N, C-alpha and C. Protein backbone atom coordinates (compact mmCIF):
# COMPACT_ATOMS: atom_id res chain seq x y z
N MET A 1 3.51 8.16 -26.02
CA MET A 1 4.32 7.22 -25.30
C MET A 1 3.65 6.22 -24.66
N THR A 2 5.17 5.00 -24.65
CA THR A 2 4.50 3.88 -24.31
C THR A 2 4.53 3.50 -22.93
N PRO A 3 3.39 3.00 -22.49
CA PRO A 3 3.26 2.64 -21.12
C PRO A 3 4.18 1.60 -20.56
N PHE A 4 5.24 1.80 -20.37
CA PHE A 4 6.39 0.71 -19.55
C PHE A 4 7.25 1.37 -18.57
N LEU A 5 7.45 0.94 -17.65
CA LEU A 5 8.41 1.52 -16.58
C LEU A 5 9.51 0.85 -16.43
N ASN A 6 10.64 1.21 -16.35
CA ASN A 6 11.88 0.59 -16.40
C ASN A 6 12.31 0.20 -14.86
N ILE A 7 11.73 -0.76 -14.46
CA ILE A 7 11.82 -1.64 -13.07
C ILE A 7 12.04 -2.84 -12.85
N PRO A 8 12.93 -3.36 -12.06
CA PRO A 8 13.03 -4.93 -11.95
C PRO A 8 11.93 -5.67 -12.40
N ARG A 9 12.08 -6.86 -13.40
CA ARG A 9 11.31 -7.59 -13.87
C ARG A 9 10.42 -8.06 -12.69
N ARG A 10 10.51 -8.46 -11.70
CA ARG A 10 9.68 -8.99 -10.56
C ARG A 10 8.71 -7.88 -10.21
N LEU A 11 9.31 -6.86 -10.01
CA LEU A 11 8.43 -5.83 -9.41
C LEU A 11 8.11 -4.86 -10.49
N THR A 12 8.12 -5.41 -11.89
CA THR A 12 7.47 -4.46 -12.74
C THR A 12 6.27 -3.88 -12.45
N CYS A 13 6.39 -2.58 -12.38
CA CYS A 13 5.21 -1.72 -11.90
C CYS A 13 4.26 -1.80 -13.34
N VAL A 14 3.39 -1.90 -13.16
CA VAL A 14 2.55 -2.21 -14.85
C VAL A 14 2.68 -0.81 -15.20
N LEU A 15 3.20 -0.71 -16.32
CA LEU A 15 2.85 0.45 -17.06
C LEU A 15 1.50 0.40 -17.74
N LEU A 16 0.25 1.20 -17.58
CA LEU A 16 -0.56 0.54 -18.34
C LEU A 16 -1.11 1.90 -18.76
N ALA A 17 -1.23 2.15 -20.10
CA ALA A 17 -1.71 3.06 -20.67
C ALA A 17 -3.51 2.68 -20.90
N MET A 18 -4.22 3.85 -20.63
CA MET A 18 -5.42 3.52 -20.90
C MET A 18 -6.34 4.81 -21.44
N GLY A 19 -7.43 4.96 -21.46
CA GLY A 19 -8.15 6.02 -21.99
C GLY A 19 -9.28 6.70 -21.24
N LEU A 20 -9.40 7.49 -21.20
CA LEU A 20 -10.39 8.51 -20.40
C LEU A 20 -11.60 8.77 -21.29
N LEU A 21 -12.42 8.79 -20.90
CA LEU A 21 -13.96 9.48 -21.24
C LEU A 21 -14.69 10.55 -20.90
N ALA A 22 -14.56 11.42 -21.86
CA ALA A 22 -15.45 12.55 -21.46
C ALA A 22 -16.82 12.26 -21.13
N PRO A 23 -17.26 12.66 -20.32
CA PRO A 23 -18.77 11.88 -20.27
C PRO A 23 -19.53 11.76 -21.52
N ILE A 24 -19.91 10.53 -21.89
CA ILE A 24 -20.30 9.89 -23.03
C ILE A 24 -21.90 9.23 -22.67
N ALA A 25 -22.74 9.72 -23.64
CA ALA A 25 -24.02 9.16 -23.37
C ALA A 25 -24.39 8.74 -22.21
N SER A 26 -25.70 8.34 -22.15
CA SER A 26 -26.68 8.22 -21.06
C SER A 26 -26.07 6.95 -20.42
N TRP A 27 -25.32 6.24 -21.03
CA TRP A 27 -24.57 4.83 -20.04
C TRP A 27 -23.53 5.40 -19.43
N ALA A 28 -22.48 6.45 -19.66
CA ALA A 28 -21.61 6.93 -19.08
C ALA A 28 -22.11 7.42 -17.93
N GLN A 29 -23.51 8.73 -18.23
CA GLN A 29 -23.76 9.36 -17.15
C GLN A 29 -24.57 8.24 -16.21
N ASN A 30 -25.43 7.23 -16.33
CA ASN A 30 -25.89 6.48 -15.38
C ASN A 30 -25.55 4.85 -15.63
N PRO A 31 -24.11 4.54 -15.61
CA PRO A 31 -23.72 3.09 -15.92
C PRO A 31 -24.55 2.31 -15.12
N ALA A 32 -25.05 1.11 -15.66
CA ALA A 32 -25.42 -0.13 -14.90
C ALA A 32 -24.66 -0.42 -13.93
N PRO A 33 -25.08 -0.71 -12.44
CA PRO A 33 -24.12 -1.36 -11.68
C PRO A 33 -23.16 -2.33 -11.72
N LEU A 34 -23.64 -3.28 -12.67
CA LEU A 34 -22.81 -4.58 -13.15
C LEU A 34 -22.90 -5.04 -14.47
N SER A 35 -21.85 -4.69 -15.12
CA SER A 35 -22.04 -5.20 -16.47
C SER A 35 -20.86 -6.37 -16.94
N LYS A 36 -21.15 -7.22 -18.00
CA LYS A 36 -20.42 -8.21 -18.32
C LYS A 36 -19.95 -7.87 -19.37
N VAL A 37 -18.37 -8.39 -20.16
CA VAL A 37 -18.30 -8.50 -21.35
C VAL A 37 -17.56 -9.68 -21.65
N ARG A 38 -17.37 -10.13 -22.86
CA ARG A 38 -16.89 -11.49 -23.41
C ARG A 38 -15.33 -10.91 -24.11
N ILE A 39 -14.27 -11.40 -23.83
CA ILE A 39 -13.08 -10.86 -24.38
C ILE A 39 -12.81 -12.30 -25.36
N THR A 40 -12.76 -12.16 -26.57
CA THR A 40 -12.74 -13.32 -27.39
C THR A 40 -11.42 -13.02 -27.94
N THR A 41 -10.44 -14.17 -27.73
CA THR A 41 -8.86 -14.36 -28.02
C THR A 41 -8.63 -15.15 -28.86
N SER A 42 -7.46 -15.39 -29.25
CA SER A 42 -6.84 -16.28 -30.42
C SER A 42 -6.81 -17.58 -29.41
N LEU A 43 -6.77 -17.55 -28.24
CA LEU A 43 -6.49 -18.63 -27.17
C LEU A 43 -8.16 -19.35 -26.73
N GLY A 44 -8.82 -18.48 -26.76
CA GLY A 44 -10.60 -18.70 -25.96
C GLY A 44 -11.08 -17.56 -25.75
N ASP A 45 -12.15 -17.74 -25.07
CA ASP A 45 -13.02 -16.51 -24.27
C ASP A 45 -12.68 -16.42 -22.89
N ILE A 46 -12.80 -15.14 -22.59
CA ILE A 46 -12.48 -14.81 -21.13
C ILE A 46 -13.87 -14.16 -20.84
N GLU A 47 -14.63 -14.13 -19.95
CA GLU A 47 -15.59 -13.33 -19.63
C GLU A 47 -15.34 -12.70 -18.32
N ALA A 48 -15.69 -11.45 -18.07
CA ALA A 48 -15.56 -10.57 -16.86
C ALA A 48 -16.83 -9.72 -16.51
N GLU A 49 -17.06 -9.35 -15.23
CA GLU A 49 -17.78 -8.48 -14.80
C GLU A 49 -17.08 -7.26 -14.48
N LEU A 50 -17.84 -6.05 -14.92
CA LEU A 50 -17.05 -4.75 -14.51
C LEU A 50 -18.27 -4.00 -13.57
N TYR A 51 -17.22 -3.36 -12.71
CA TYR A 51 -18.21 -2.70 -11.76
C TYR A 51 -18.24 -1.34 -11.72
N ALA A 52 -19.51 -1.05 -12.44
CA ALA A 52 -19.39 0.42 -12.59
C ALA A 52 -20.28 1.31 -11.30
N ASP A 53 -20.53 0.61 -10.57
CA ASP A 53 -20.85 1.38 -9.17
C ASP A 53 -19.80 1.51 -8.27
N LYS A 54 -18.20 0.53 -8.65
CA LYS A 54 -17.29 1.00 -7.72
C LYS A 54 -16.24 2.08 -8.48
N ALA A 55 -16.23 2.07 -9.98
CA ALA A 55 -15.45 2.49 -11.08
C ALA A 55 -16.02 3.20 -12.03
N PRO A 56 -16.89 4.04 -12.04
CA PRO A 56 -17.83 4.57 -12.77
C PRO A 56 -17.27 5.29 -14.18
N LYS A 57 -16.27 5.96 -13.96
CA LYS A 57 -15.54 6.64 -15.10
C LYS A 57 -15.03 5.52 -15.83
N THR A 58 -14.28 4.80 -15.07
CA THR A 58 -13.20 3.55 -15.74
C THR A 58 -13.95 2.61 -16.35
N VAL A 59 -15.05 2.21 -16.04
CA VAL A 59 -16.07 1.24 -16.60
C VAL A 59 -16.35 1.87 -17.80
N ALA A 60 -17.09 2.94 -17.54
CA ALA A 60 -17.86 3.90 -18.76
C ALA A 60 -16.84 4.37 -20.13
N ASN A 61 -15.45 4.60 -19.51
CA ASN A 61 -14.52 4.43 -20.53
C ASN A 61 -14.04 3.02 -21.45
N PHE A 62 -13.67 2.27 -20.65
CA PHE A 62 -13.51 0.95 -21.16
C PHE A 62 -14.78 0.71 -21.97
N VAL A 63 -15.97 0.77 -21.73
CA VAL A 63 -17.14 0.31 -22.40
C VAL A 63 -17.25 1.26 -23.72
N GLN A 64 -17.11 2.34 -23.77
CA GLN A 64 -17.11 3.26 -24.98
C GLN A 64 -15.89 2.71 -25.64
N TYR A 65 -14.67 2.12 -25.45
CA TYR A 65 -13.76 1.88 -26.41
C TYR A 65 -14.05 0.23 -27.10
N VAL A 66 -14.90 -0.48 -26.05
CA VAL A 66 -15.69 -1.89 -26.48
C VAL A 66 -16.54 -1.30 -27.69
N ASN A 67 -17.34 -0.25 -27.32
CA ASN A 67 -18.40 -0.19 -28.21
C ASN A 67 -17.78 0.63 -29.80
N ASP A 68 -16.76 1.17 -29.75
CA ASP A 68 -16.00 1.42 -30.50
C ASP A 68 -15.25 0.51 -31.50
N LYS A 69 -15.14 -0.64 -30.75
CA LYS A 69 -14.45 -1.65 -31.47
C LYS A 69 -13.02 -1.40 -31.45
N HIS A 70 -12.34 -0.50 -30.61
CA HIS A 70 -10.97 -0.26 -30.48
C HIS A 70 -10.06 -1.52 -30.06
N TYR A 71 -10.74 -2.54 -29.43
CA TYR A 71 -9.84 -3.54 -29.36
C TYR A 71 -9.71 -4.72 -30.29
N ASP A 72 -10.66 -4.67 -31.07
CA ASP A 72 -10.93 -5.59 -32.34
C ASP A 72 -9.37 -5.78 -33.01
N GLY A 73 -8.71 -6.77 -32.79
CA GLY A 73 -7.21 -7.29 -33.82
C GLY A 73 -6.35 -6.32 -32.70
N THR A 74 -6.33 -6.21 -31.59
CA THR A 74 -5.03 -5.78 -30.84
C THR A 74 -4.54 -7.11 -30.15
N ILE A 75 -3.52 -6.81 -29.53
CA ILE A 75 -2.67 -7.96 -29.16
C ILE A 75 -2.34 -7.91 -27.43
N PHE A 76 -2.04 -8.92 -26.74
CA PHE A 76 -1.72 -8.92 -25.58
C PHE A 76 -0.01 -8.66 -25.86
N HIS A 77 0.41 -7.64 -25.85
CA HIS A 77 1.88 -7.21 -26.16
C HIS A 77 2.65 -7.44 -24.84
N ARG A 78 2.30 -7.91 -23.70
CA ARG A 78 2.96 -7.78 -22.74
C ARG A 78 2.62 -8.82 -21.59
N VAL A 79 3.28 -10.12 -21.30
CA VAL A 79 2.77 -11.19 -20.77
C VAL A 79 4.20 -11.66 -19.81
N ILE A 80 3.59 -11.44 -18.35
CA ILE A 80 4.72 -11.94 -17.45
C ILE A 80 4.41 -12.58 -16.52
N PRO A 81 4.46 -14.10 -16.16
CA PRO A 81 4.13 -15.31 -15.46
C PRO A 81 4.16 -14.44 -14.11
N GLY A 82 3.32 -14.95 -13.22
CA GLY A 82 3.63 -14.55 -12.05
C GLY A 82 3.21 -13.11 -11.63
N PHE A 83 2.95 -12.50 -12.76
CA PHE A 83 2.32 -10.93 -12.70
C PHE A 83 1.22 -10.67 -13.15
N MET A 84 1.20 -10.15 -14.58
CA MET A 84 -0.01 -10.05 -15.23
C MET A 84 0.17 -10.24 -16.84
N VAL A 85 -0.90 -9.91 -17.56
CA VAL A 85 -0.98 -9.90 -19.19
C VAL A 85 -1.64 -8.57 -19.47
N GLN A 86 -1.19 -7.96 -20.37
CA GLN A 86 -1.32 -6.64 -20.76
C GLN A 86 -1.69 -6.46 -22.23
N GLY A 87 -2.83 -5.84 -22.48
CA GLY A 87 -3.22 -5.64 -23.86
C GLY A 87 -3.96 -4.50 -24.17
N GLY A 88 -4.63 -4.48 -25.31
CA GLY A 88 -5.52 -3.38 -25.91
C GLY A 88 -4.86 -2.12 -26.32
N GLY A 89 -3.62 -2.02 -26.64
CA GLY A 89 -3.08 -0.78 -27.15
C GLY A 89 -2.21 -1.09 -28.36
N TYR A 90 -1.97 -2.06 -28.88
CA TYR A 90 -1.27 -2.44 -30.38
C TYR A 90 -1.76 -3.54 -31.06
N ASP A 91 -1.68 -3.15 -32.37
CA ASP A 91 -2.05 -4.00 -33.16
C ASP A 91 -1.35 -5.17 -33.42
N GLY A 92 -1.80 -6.22 -34.50
CA GLY A 92 -0.59 -7.04 -34.91
C GLY A 92 0.71 -6.91 -35.38
N GLN A 93 0.80 -5.71 -35.74
CA GLN A 93 2.44 -5.09 -36.30
C GLN A 93 2.97 -4.18 -35.45
N TYR A 94 2.26 -4.25 -33.98
CA TYR A 94 2.92 -3.52 -32.96
C TYR A 94 2.57 -1.82 -33.27
N ARG A 95 1.49 -1.38 -34.06
CA ARG A 95 1.39 -0.26 -34.08
C ARG A 95 0.41 0.09 -33.21
N GLU A 96 0.79 1.12 -32.42
CA GLU A 96 0.22 1.90 -31.36
C GLU A 96 -1.22 2.42 -31.50
N LYS A 97 -2.33 2.21 -31.06
CA LYS A 97 -3.55 2.45 -31.40
C LYS A 97 -3.86 3.98 -31.02
N LYS A 98 -4.68 4.81 -31.81
CA LYS A 98 -4.99 5.88 -31.40
C LYS A 98 -6.09 6.14 -30.05
N THR A 99 -5.97 6.81 -28.93
CA THR A 99 -6.99 6.74 -28.15
C THR A 99 -7.35 8.14 -28.00
N ARG A 100 -8.39 8.24 -27.11
CA ARG A 100 -9.02 9.46 -26.48
C ARG A 100 -8.38 9.98 -25.31
N ALA A 101 -8.85 10.90 -24.94
CA ALA A 101 -8.05 11.86 -23.60
C ALA A 101 -8.17 10.80 -22.40
N PRO A 102 -7.11 11.05 -21.70
CA PRO A 102 -7.30 10.08 -20.33
C PRO A 102 -8.26 10.28 -19.52
N VAL A 103 -8.66 8.75 -18.81
CA VAL A 103 -9.56 8.81 -17.84
C VAL A 103 -9.21 9.49 -16.48
N ALA A 104 -10.01 9.66 -15.73
CA ALA A 104 -9.55 10.06 -14.17
C ALA A 104 -9.63 8.91 -13.31
N HIS A 105 -8.20 9.00 -12.61
CA HIS A 105 -7.90 7.88 -11.74
C HIS A 105 -8.74 7.86 -10.87
N GLU A 106 -9.60 6.52 -10.65
CA GLU A 106 -10.28 6.27 -9.67
C GLU A 106 -9.72 5.07 -8.44
N GLY A 107 -8.59 4.83 -8.84
CA GLY A 107 -7.88 3.68 -7.99
C GLY A 107 -8.36 3.91 -6.42
N ARG A 108 -8.21 4.90 -5.87
CA ARG A 108 -8.47 5.03 -4.41
C ARG A 108 -10.09 4.79 -4.13
N GLN A 109 -11.09 5.19 -4.80
CA GLN A 109 -12.19 5.07 -4.82
C GLN A 109 -12.85 3.74 -4.64
N ALA A 110 -12.01 2.89 -5.97
CA ALA A 110 -12.41 1.48 -6.31
C ALA A 110 -11.75 0.76 -5.05
N LEU A 111 -10.67 1.19 -4.60
CA LEU A 111 -10.18 0.35 -3.22
C LEU A 111 -11.07 0.51 -2.20
N ALA A 112 -11.44 1.62 -2.14
CA ALA A 112 -12.48 1.91 -0.60
C ALA A 112 -13.63 1.01 -0.93
N ALA A 113 -13.91 0.86 -2.25
CA ALA A 113 -15.28 0.00 -2.58
C ALA A 113 -15.17 -1.74 -2.36
N GLY A 114 -13.62 -1.79 -2.33
CA GLY A 114 -13.32 -3.20 -1.88
C GLY A 114 -12.70 -3.71 -3.09
N LEU A 115 -12.24 -3.02 -4.04
CA LEU A 115 -11.62 -3.58 -5.47
C LEU A 115 -10.22 -3.38 -5.31
N LYS A 116 -9.39 -4.89 -5.24
CA LYS A 116 -8.00 -4.92 -4.96
C LYS A 116 -7.40 -5.48 -6.55
N ASN A 117 -5.94 -5.35 -6.74
CA ASN A 117 -5.48 -6.29 -7.90
C ASN A 117 -5.33 -7.89 -7.07
N THR A 118 -6.10 -8.34 -7.12
CA THR A 118 -6.06 -9.82 -7.00
C THR A 118 -6.13 -10.52 -8.13
N THR A 119 -5.81 -11.89 -8.22
CA THR A 119 -5.73 -12.59 -9.26
C THR A 119 -7.30 -12.68 -10.01
N GLY A 120 -7.33 -12.39 -11.28
CA GLY A 120 -8.26 -12.53 -12.13
C GLY A 120 -8.90 -10.90 -12.49
N THR A 121 -8.43 -10.19 -11.81
CA THR A 121 -9.08 -8.85 -11.70
C THR A 121 -8.56 -8.03 -12.98
N LEU A 122 -9.43 -7.18 -13.77
CA LEU A 122 -8.87 -6.24 -14.78
C LEU A 122 -8.66 -4.94 -13.90
N ALA A 123 -7.74 -4.25 -14.37
CA ALA A 123 -7.13 -2.95 -13.93
C ALA A 123 -6.99 -2.08 -15.20
N MET A 124 -6.52 -0.75 -15.31
CA MET A 124 -6.29 -0.05 -16.00
C MET A 124 -4.42 -0.06 -16.02
N ALA A 125 -4.14 0.18 -17.29
CA ALA A 125 -2.77 0.18 -17.49
C ALA A 125 -2.46 1.67 -17.80
N ARG A 126 -1.13 2.49 -17.08
CA ARG A 126 -0.87 3.82 -17.38
C ARG A 126 0.48 3.71 -17.14
N THR A 127 1.32 5.26 -17.49
CA THR A 127 2.51 5.33 -17.48
C THR A 127 2.75 5.92 -16.01
N ASN A 128 3.95 6.93 -15.73
CA ASN A 128 4.45 6.99 -14.71
C ASN A 128 3.20 8.07 -13.95
N ASP A 129 2.41 8.90 -14.76
CA ASP A 129 1.49 9.80 -14.50
C ASP A 129 0.06 8.93 -14.23
N PRO A 130 -0.14 8.86 -13.03
CA PRO A 130 -1.68 8.43 -12.68
C PRO A 130 -2.87 8.86 -13.57
N GLN A 131 -2.62 10.00 -14.10
CA GLN A 131 -4.00 10.46 -14.78
C GLN A 131 -3.97 10.10 -16.52
N SER A 132 -2.99 8.94 -16.48
CA SER A 132 -2.54 8.73 -18.34
C SER A 132 -3.29 7.68 -18.69
N ALA A 133 -4.27 7.13 -17.95
CA ALA A 133 -4.82 5.61 -18.36
C ALA A 133 -5.72 6.09 -19.54
N THR A 134 -5.43 5.24 -20.62
CA THR A 134 -6.54 5.58 -21.97
C THR A 134 -7.22 4.05 -22.13
N ALA A 135 -6.76 3.21 -22.85
CA ALA A 135 -7.50 2.10 -23.38
C ALA A 135 -6.93 0.95 -22.86
N GLN A 136 -5.55 0.74 -22.61
CA GLN A 136 -4.94 -0.54 -22.35
C GLN A 136 -5.31 -0.79 -20.81
N PHE A 137 -5.32 -2.27 -20.77
CA PHE A 137 -5.73 -2.73 -19.64
C PHE A 137 -4.97 -3.86 -19.37
N PHE A 138 -4.93 -4.68 -18.00
CA PHE A 138 -4.19 -5.69 -17.65
C PHE A 138 -5.30 -6.45 -16.91
N ILE A 139 -4.78 -7.67 -16.97
CA ILE A 139 -5.48 -8.74 -15.91
C ILE A 139 -4.21 -9.44 -15.25
N ASN A 140 -4.54 -9.37 -13.87
CA ASN A 140 -3.75 -9.84 -12.72
C ASN A 140 -3.95 -11.15 -12.91
N VAL A 141 -2.73 -11.89 -13.06
CA VAL A 141 -2.65 -13.41 -12.70
C VAL A 141 -2.14 -14.20 -11.52
N VAL A 142 -1.73 -13.11 -10.45
CA VAL A 142 -1.37 -13.68 -9.23
C VAL A 142 -1.91 -12.14 -8.40
N ASP A 143 -2.10 -12.30 -7.13
CA ASP A 143 -2.41 -11.16 -6.03
C ASP A 143 -1.18 -10.33 -6.19
N ASN A 144 -1.47 -9.24 -6.62
CA ASN A 144 -0.35 -7.73 -6.91
C ASN A 144 -0.68 -6.93 -5.81
N ALA A 145 -0.64 -7.07 -4.52
CA ALA A 145 -1.11 -6.07 -3.63
C ALA A 145 -0.20 -4.66 -3.81
N PHE A 146 0.77 -4.91 -4.30
CA PHE A 146 1.82 -3.63 -4.38
C PHE A 146 1.30 -2.79 -5.45
N LEU A 147 0.30 -3.31 -6.31
CA LEU A 147 -0.22 -2.37 -7.22
C LEU A 147 -1.38 -1.48 -6.56
N ASP A 148 -2.12 -2.03 -5.38
CA ASP A 148 -3.36 -1.21 -4.86
C ASP A 148 -2.81 0.08 -4.66
N PRO A 149 -3.71 1.12 -4.67
CA PRO A 149 -3.29 2.75 -4.28
C PRO A 149 -2.97 2.48 -2.52
N SER A 150 -2.07 3.46 -2.19
CA SER A 150 -1.73 3.68 -0.71
C SER A 150 -1.38 5.04 -0.34
N PHE A 151 -0.88 5.31 0.64
CA PHE A 151 -0.46 6.48 1.12
C PHE A 151 0.55 6.95 0.11
N GLN A 152 1.64 6.26 -0.35
CA GLN A 152 2.85 6.71 -1.10
C GLN A 152 2.61 6.33 -2.55
N SER A 153 1.38 5.66 -2.92
CA SER A 153 1.04 5.59 -4.59
C SER A 153 -0.16 5.69 -4.74
N PHE A 154 -0.33 5.89 -6.01
CA PHE A 154 -1.77 6.13 -6.75
C PHE A 154 -2.52 4.86 -7.01
N GLY A 155 -1.34 3.73 -7.30
CA GLY A 155 -1.56 2.40 -7.81
C GLY A 155 -2.22 2.47 -8.90
N TYR A 156 -3.05 1.40 -9.32
CA TYR A 156 -3.71 1.01 -10.66
C TYR A 156 -5.20 0.86 -10.28
N THR A 157 -6.17 1.36 -10.96
CA THR A 157 -7.64 1.17 -10.87
C THR A 157 -8.17 -0.22 -11.39
N VAL A 158 -8.67 -1.00 -10.12
CA VAL A 158 -9.28 -2.28 -10.72
C VAL A 158 -10.82 -1.64 -11.04
N PHE A 159 -11.44 -2.39 -12.05
CA PHE A 159 -12.75 -2.08 -12.50
C PHE A 159 -13.46 -3.30 -13.04
N GLY A 160 -12.98 -4.55 -13.01
CA GLY A 160 -13.59 -5.84 -13.49
C GLY A 160 -13.09 -6.93 -13.08
N LYS A 161 -13.65 -8.13 -12.92
CA LYS A 161 -13.00 -9.27 -12.61
C LYS A 161 -13.45 -10.61 -13.45
N VAL A 162 -12.41 -11.36 -13.88
CA VAL A 162 -12.96 -12.60 -15.07
C VAL A 162 -13.89 -13.27 -13.99
N THR A 163 -15.01 -14.06 -14.63
CA THR A 163 -15.80 -14.73 -14.08
C THR A 163 -15.78 -16.18 -14.97
N SER A 164 -15.50 -16.23 -16.00
CA SER A 164 -15.16 -17.61 -16.43
C SER A 164 -13.78 -17.21 -17.52
N GLY A 165 -13.26 -18.35 -18.07
CA GLY A 165 -12.22 -18.45 -19.00
C GLY A 165 -10.96 -18.03 -18.36
N MET A 166 -10.65 -18.79 -16.89
CA MET A 166 -9.33 -18.51 -16.40
C MET A 166 -8.55 -19.59 -16.93
N ASP A 167 -8.91 -20.59 -17.45
CA ASP A 167 -7.97 -21.44 -18.18
C ASP A 167 -7.30 -20.83 -19.24
N VAL A 168 -8.37 -19.69 -20.20
CA VAL A 168 -7.68 -19.10 -21.04
C VAL A 168 -6.47 -18.27 -20.61
N LEU A 169 -6.81 -17.93 -19.46
CA LEU A 169 -5.91 -16.57 -19.07
C LEU A 169 -4.77 -17.50 -18.54
N GLN A 170 -4.61 -18.82 -18.11
CA GLN A 170 -3.60 -19.19 -17.49
C GLN A 170 -2.74 -19.84 -19.14
N LYS A 171 -3.48 -19.90 -20.49
CA LYS A 171 -2.91 -20.15 -21.35
C LYS A 171 -1.95 -18.96 -21.94
N ILE A 172 -2.71 -17.79 -21.83
CA ILE A 172 -1.97 -16.50 -22.21
C ILE A 172 -0.76 -16.30 -21.00
N ARG A 173 -0.91 -16.41 -19.99
CA ARG A 173 0.02 -16.33 -19.12
C ARG A 173 1.16 -17.30 -19.29
N ASN A 174 1.03 -18.38 -19.77
CA ASN A 174 2.34 -19.57 -20.19
C ASN A 174 2.76 -19.24 -21.27
N THR A 175 2.31 -18.68 -22.10
CA THR A 175 2.71 -18.51 -23.22
C THR A 175 4.13 -18.05 -23.78
N PRO A 176 5.03 -18.79 -24.53
CA PRO A 176 6.47 -18.29 -24.50
C PRO A 176 6.46 -16.69 -24.78
N THR A 177 7.39 -15.93 -24.53
CA THR A 177 7.63 -14.78 -24.52
C THR A 177 9.08 -14.48 -24.82
N GLY A 178 9.45 -13.25 -25.56
CA GLY A 178 10.73 -12.79 -26.25
C GLY A 178 10.63 -11.52 -26.71
N ALA A 179 11.39 -11.01 -27.41
CA ALA A 179 11.38 -9.55 -28.16
C ALA A 179 10.46 -9.65 -29.06
N GLY A 180 9.68 -8.37 -29.14
CA GLY A 180 8.66 -8.30 -30.69
C GLY A 180 8.61 -6.84 -30.49
N GLY A 181 8.74 -6.04 -31.77
CA GLY A 181 8.21 -4.76 -32.24
C GLY A 181 9.34 -3.98 -31.45
N PRO A 182 8.89 -3.30 -31.12
CA PRO A 182 9.78 -2.38 -30.12
C PRO A 182 10.21 -2.53 -28.90
N PHE A 183 9.76 -3.66 -28.32
CA PHE A 183 9.52 -4.23 -26.75
C PHE A 183 10.73 -5.52 -26.67
N PRO A 184 11.74 -5.04 -26.08
CA PRO A 184 12.70 -6.14 -25.76
C PRO A 184 12.41 -7.42 -25.10
N THR A 185 11.55 -7.28 -24.38
CA THR A 185 10.77 -8.74 -23.58
C THR A 185 9.46 -8.94 -23.59
N ASP A 186 9.05 -9.89 -22.89
CA ASP A 186 7.82 -10.23 -22.61
C ASP A 186 6.70 -10.13 -23.55
N VAL A 187 7.31 -10.17 -24.79
CA VAL A 187 6.06 -10.27 -25.84
C VAL A 187 6.02 -11.70 -26.25
N PRO A 188 4.78 -12.01 -26.33
CA PRO A 188 4.50 -13.45 -26.84
C PRO A 188 4.85 -13.68 -28.11
N ARG A 189 5.66 -14.86 -28.53
CA ARG A 189 6.37 -14.89 -29.60
C ARG A 189 5.38 -15.73 -30.65
N THR A 190 4.30 -16.29 -30.21
CA THR A 190 3.03 -16.47 -31.10
C THR A 190 1.62 -15.17 -30.72
N PRO A 191 1.68 -14.31 -31.47
CA PRO A 191 0.62 -13.44 -30.82
C PRO A 191 -0.55 -13.92 -30.35
N VAL A 192 -0.99 -13.18 -29.35
CA VAL A 192 -2.37 -13.76 -28.46
C VAL A 192 -2.94 -12.54 -29.25
N VAL A 193 -4.08 -12.71 -29.93
CA VAL A 193 -4.78 -11.69 -30.39
C VAL A 193 -6.18 -11.68 -29.66
N ILE A 194 -6.57 -10.25 -29.16
CA ILE A 194 -8.13 -9.79 -28.97
C ILE A 194 -8.88 -9.71 -30.03
N GLN A 195 -9.49 -10.84 -30.59
CA GLN A 195 -10.10 -10.47 -31.61
C GLN A 195 -11.45 -9.63 -31.62
N THR A 196 -12.03 -9.86 -30.51
CA THR A 196 -13.09 -8.75 -30.23
C THR A 196 -13.44 -8.59 -28.89
N ILE A 197 -14.07 -7.62 -28.10
CA ILE A 197 -14.80 -7.62 -26.78
C ILE A 197 -16.08 -7.04 -27.12
N THR A 198 -17.12 -7.87 -26.26
CA THR A 198 -18.33 -7.96 -26.71
C THR A 198 -19.20 -7.35 -25.29
N LEU A 199 -19.86 -6.49 -25.38
CA LEU A 199 -20.65 -6.24 -24.13
C LEU A 199 -21.77 -7.00 -24.15
N LEU A 200 -21.72 -7.90 -23.09
CA LEU A 200 -22.75 -8.99 -22.79
C LEU A 200 -24.34 -8.35 -22.12
N LYS A 201 -24.05 -7.25 -21.15
CA LYS A 201 -25.36 -6.58 -20.45
C LYS A 201 -25.11 -5.58 -19.87
């Protein structure tokens, strides 16, 4: 099932499909409080820090996908200026990649630890089901407070933040979009490819 919600474009509640991680290896059991990754794209590199001390299951899940090379050759298939850029779930032919079981939702825990959907933060994508995040993630290109957990909503789990490459993020944000594959809108006309994601520490 594709992680997209039929909501007005401006308030498109990020459907964000992600992946869970059953307790994996010692890293998942005891993740470093702060890790960094490099997202190498066809438009340049983005580096981000991951907050394993604030969203441990989410970060362990993401790192496992990184180590499994799941993201290599995937695309940013959803780009909305004034909102976010989303990727990690489809290859260049718009084929959906297989994922593991969903990861437990940690949005409220992360929010309590100070992580909000602000500009440059990474968060997990999902469907309407808050427990459906697997591998897809998005990067907020503006402050999106309405995506934060609240009494009425589970929100979206923030697990990292861009530390360098905001210029690259802006290039992705500003790329022309239209229809592509199974998606009627918001797909970059020239594919923006995630060539690989590398764990730096």
